[in-house]
Protein backbone atom coordinates (compact mmCIF):
# COMPACT_ATOMS: atom_id res chain seq x y z
CA MET A 1 7.27 61.81 -64.35
CA ARG A 2 6.50 58.36 -62.81
CA ILE A 3 8.35 59.32 -59.63
CA ALA A 4 6.43 62.70 -59.41
CA HIS A 5 3.19 60.83 -59.87
CA SER A 6 3.79 58.44 -57.16
CA PHE A 7 4.68 61.20 -54.76
CA ALA A 8 1.57 62.83 -55.57
CA VAL A 9 -0.49 59.63 -54.83
CA LEU A 10 1.44 59.14 -51.60
CA ALA A 11 0.65 62.69 -50.61
CA LEU A 12 -3.08 62.16 -51.52
CA VAL A 13 -3.28 59.14 -49.31
CA GLY A 14 -1.49 60.69 -46.45
CA ALA A 15 -3.74 63.63 -46.44
CA ALA A 16 -6.74 61.37 -46.44
CA THR A 17 -5.55 59.70 -43.19
CA VAL A 18 -4.87 62.96 -41.41
CA PRO A 19 -7.85 64.56 -39.72
CA ALA A 20 -8.81 68.21 -40.77
CA LEU A 21 -7.25 70.83 -38.47
CA ALA A 22 -8.76 74.13 -37.55
CA MET A 23 -7.37 76.98 -39.61
CA GLN A 24 -6.12 80.17 -38.09
CA ASP A 25 -4.77 83.08 -40.28
CA GLY A 26 -4.58 80.60 -43.24
CA ALA A 27 -2.44 78.10 -41.27
CA PRO A 28 -3.43 74.88 -39.51
CA GLN A 29 -3.83 75.32 -35.80
CA LEU A 30 -2.23 72.76 -33.61
CA PRO A 31 -4.99 70.71 -31.56
CA GLY A 32 -2.85 71.24 -28.37
CA GLN A 33 -2.45 74.64 -27.04
CA MET A 34 -0.63 76.02 -24.01
CA ASP A 35 -3.87 77.35 -22.48
CA VAL A 36 -4.69 76.11 -19.00
CA SER A 37 -8.36 77.08 -19.61
CA ARG A 38 -8.69 74.00 -21.80
CA VAL A 39 -7.94 71.65 -18.94
CA SER A 40 -11.13 70.08 -17.40
CA GLY A 41 -11.11 68.14 -14.10
CA GLY A 42 -11.21 64.48 -13.87
CA THR A 43 -9.09 61.25 -14.08
CA TYR A 44 -6.72 60.96 -17.04
CA GLU A 45 -4.70 57.84 -18.15
CA THR A 46 -1.24 58.06 -19.97
CA ASP A 47 -1.30 57.77 -23.60
CA PRO A 48 1.49 54.93 -23.55
CA SER A 49 2.54 55.41 -27.22
CA HIS A 50 3.40 59.01 -26.62
CA THR A 51 4.67 59.00 -23.12
CA LEU A 52 8.39 58.56 -22.46
CA VAL A 53 11.10 58.74 -19.89
CA ALA A 54 14.54 59.44 -21.29
CA TRP A 55 17.76 58.95 -19.12
CA THR A 56 21.27 60.04 -19.46
CA VAL A 57 24.51 59.02 -17.75
CA ASN A 58 28.07 59.84 -18.40
CA HIS A 59 30.42 57.08 -19.72
CA PHE A 60 33.94 57.09 -18.56
CA GLY A 61 34.11 60.81 -18.64
CA PHE A 62 34.21 60.68 -22.46
CA ASN A 63 30.54 61.31 -23.44
CA ASP A 64 26.93 60.82 -22.35
CA TYR A 65 24.87 57.89 -23.52
CA PHE A 66 21.20 57.72 -23.17
CA GLY A 67 17.92 55.81 -23.80
CA ALA A 68 14.33 55.87 -22.96
CA PHE A 69 11.54 53.78 -21.38
CA GLY A 70 8.15 53.55 -23.10
CA ASP A 71 4.91 51.69 -22.58
CA ILE A 72 4.30 53.77 -19.59
CA GLY A 73 0.97 53.45 -17.77
CA GLY A 74 -0.66 55.39 -14.99
CA THR A 75 -3.11 58.14 -14.11
CA LEU A 76 -3.36 61.80 -13.36
CA MET A 77 -6.23 63.16 -11.26
CA ILE A 78 -6.65 67.00 -11.62
CA ASP A 79 -8.98 69.72 -10.70
CA PRO A 80 -8.15 72.97 -12.50
CA GLN A 81 -9.74 74.91 -9.56
CA ASN A 82 -7.28 73.16 -7.15
CA PRO A 83 -4.19 72.05 -9.17
CA GLU A 84 -2.01 71.62 -5.96
CA ALA A 85 -4.46 68.58 -5.03
CA ALA A 86 -3.36 66.80 -8.25
CA LYS A 87 -2.42 63.14 -7.94
CA VAL A 88 -0.05 61.18 -10.43
CA ASP A 89 0.51 57.50 -10.17
CA VAL A 90 2.73 55.98 -13.08
CA SER A 91 4.40 52.67 -13.72
CA ILE A 92 7.47 52.28 -16.03
CA PRO A 93 8.26 48.77 -17.32
CA ILE A 94 12.06 48.67 -17.19
CA ASN A 95 12.19 45.93 -19.84
CA SER A 96 10.73 48.50 -22.38
CA ILE A 97 14.00 50.27 -22.41
CA ALA A 98 15.20 51.33 -25.94
CA VAL A 99 18.73 52.44 -26.74
CA VAL A 100 20.46 53.25 -29.86
CA SER A 101 23.01 50.14 -29.34
CA GLU A 102 21.31 46.81 -28.92
CA GLY A 103 24.49 45.69 -27.18
CA LEU A 104 23.94 48.30 -24.53
CA ARG A 105 20.37 47.12 -24.17
CA ASP A 106 21.52 43.50 -23.62
CA HIS A 107 24.03 44.73 -21.09
CA LEU A 108 21.25 46.50 -19.09
CA LEU A 109 18.93 43.52 -18.98
CA ARG A 110 21.31 40.48 -19.04
CA PRO A 111 21.62 38.22 -16.15
CA GLY A 112 24.63 38.17 -13.98
CA LYS A 113 27.65 36.28 -15.26
CA ASP A 114 28.08 32.75 -13.90
CA GLY A 115 25.24 33.12 -11.48
CA ALA A 116 26.38 36.62 -10.02
CA GLU A 117 24.16 39.56 -9.48
CA PRO A 118 23.39 41.46 -12.70
CA ASP A 119 25.31 44.44 -13.63
CA PHE A 120 22.32 46.72 -13.90
CA PHE A 121 18.66 45.37 -13.97
CA GLY A 122 18.74 41.79 -15.09
CA PRO A 123 16.38 39.88 -17.60
CA GLU A 124 13.30 40.18 -15.51
CA PRO A 125 13.30 43.49 -13.89
CA GLY A 126 10.26 44.75 -11.93
CA MET A 127 8.34 47.91 -12.62
CA ALA A 128 9.48 51.26 -11.57
CA ARG A 129 6.69 53.28 -10.12
CA PHE A 130 6.40 57.03 -9.17
CA VAL A 131 3.45 58.15 -6.95
CA SER A 132 3.10 61.88 -6.07
CA THR A 133 3.00 63.12 -2.49
CA GLY A 134 2.51 66.76 -3.22
CA VAL A 135 2.28 69.42 -6.07
CA ASP A 136 3.62 72.95 -5.55
CA VAL A 137 2.31 75.14 -8.40
CA ALA A 138 4.25 78.13 -9.57
CA SER A 139 2.67 81.56 -9.84
CA ASN A 140 2.49 81.47 -13.64
CA GLY A 141 0.17 78.44 -13.20
CA THR A 142 1.91 76.45 -15.87
CA GLU A 143 5.01 75.11 -13.94
CA ALA A 144 5.04 72.97 -10.79
CA ASP A 145 7.41 70.90 -8.49
CA ILE A 146 5.82 67.37 -8.06
CA THR A 147 7.17 65.57 -5.02
CA GLY A 148 6.75 61.92 -4.73
CA ASN A 149 8.17 58.38 -3.92
CA LEU A 150 10.10 56.61 -6.87
CA THR A 151 10.36 52.82 -6.40
CA MET A 152 12.79 50.99 -8.44
CA ASN A 153 14.86 47.87 -8.19
CA GLY A 154 12.93 47.16 -4.89
CA VAL A 155 14.04 50.61 -3.21
CA THR A 156 11.66 53.54 -2.51
CA LYS A 157 13.33 57.16 -2.58
CA PRO A 158 11.81 60.47 -2.58
CA VAL A 159 12.07 62.46 -5.75
CA THR A 160 11.06 65.93 -6.99
CA ILE A 161 10.10 66.43 -10.59
CA ALA A 162 10.15 69.84 -12.11
CA ALA A 163 7.19 69.82 -14.48
CA LYS A 164 5.86 72.17 -17.07
CA PHE A 165 2.46 72.22 -18.70
CA THR A 166 2.87 72.01 -22.50
CA GLY A 167 -0.65 71.76 -24.02
CA ALA A 168 -4.17 70.77 -23.84
CA GLY A 169 -6.86 69.98 -26.42
CA ASP A 170 -8.85 67.37 -28.19
CA ASN A 171 -6.53 64.82 -30.00
CA PRO A 172 -7.99 64.78 -33.57
CA MET A 173 -6.96 61.03 -33.96
CA SER A 174 -8.63 59.52 -30.91
CA GLU A 175 -10.97 62.51 -30.23
CA VAL A 176 -9.97 62.37 -26.70
CA GLU A 177 -9.28 65.20 -24.55
CA THR A 178 -5.44 65.25 -23.70
CA ILE A 179 -3.09 67.18 -21.57
CA GLY A 180 0.77 67.28 -22.07
CA PHE A 181 3.69 67.83 -19.75
CA MET A 182 7.38 67.81 -19.76
CA GLY A 183 9.47 67.11 -16.67
CA THR A 184 13.03 66.92 -15.57
CA THR A 185 14.73 65.37 -12.40
CA SER A 186 18.03 63.69 -11.43
CA ILE A 187 18.44 60.63 -9.21
CA LYS A 188 21.61 58.70 -7.99
CA ARG A 189 21.45 55.15 -9.36
CA SER A 190 23.47 53.94 -6.27
CA ASP A 191 20.43 54.92 -4.06
CA PHE A 192 18.44 52.16 -5.82
CA GLY A 193 21.18 49.64 -5.36
CA ILE A 194 22.60 49.88 -9.08
CA ASP A 195 26.26 50.74 -8.39
CA TYR A 196 27.94 48.84 -11.27
CA ALA A 197 31.04 50.63 -12.71
CA LEU A 198 30.92 53.59 -10.29
CA PRO A 199 32.36 56.14 -10.84
CA LEU A 200 33.37 55.39 -14.30
CA VAL A 201 29.70 55.38 -15.29
CA SER A 202 28.13 58.24 -13.55
CA ASP A 203 26.15 57.98 -10.37
CA GLN A 204 23.91 60.59 -11.47
CA VAL A 205 21.22 59.86 -13.88
CA ASP A 206 19.38 62.64 -15.63
CA LEU A 207 15.60 61.91 -16.38
CA LYS A 208 13.52 63.92 -19.10
CA ILE A 209 9.84 63.09 -19.00
CA SER A 210 7.31 63.75 -21.92
CA ALA A 211 3.82 62.73 -20.91
CA ALA A 212 0.51 62.75 -22.59
CA PHE A 213 -2.55 62.08 -20.41
CA GLU A 214 -6.04 61.23 -21.92
CA LYS A 215 -9.18 62.02 -20.23
CA GLN A 216 -11.40 59.06 -19.25
CA ASP A 217 -15.06 58.98 -19.36
């Protein structure tokens, strides 16, 4: 009985901290909907707590391992009447990398042994940055190829991101208009001077981006 009472108290406390959601057919309606008519023009900034770039590489041909970068900052400028004129500029702090294994994280960010070059990024890596140069919107209006320049490890290369609009609406926590996107692309790490353990650790790095942008006043 005490356990049941404790769960009931926790449920009431949790309910009190979650904003009320609109009801539709007796079920709560998600604040974000995949409806492009909800998108208004203007400048948006990333929600760094809910924007991630995940990466995957193959290890020795045995299996893939992966991690993600967080704390991503940047802007999106968009006009729903002219979506192909949209501009994206985001910066990714490499030292924000998170992986399942702490040992792997240390390997990616540790200095070179005995003064040599680091295997991967080293302990004080610079920001990675993606700046769009063009947007090609598909006929369905919810998908686009975003071309741009990715700068990482002091090298700049062109990259194309296959992006998909995933939702828009007012965030009930922050009460800010928010837009969401998913994106995928692949790069070769050797193009950016990161060639440690090739080809045992794959050259190709698959990236998956989950981005939330909040409208600015």
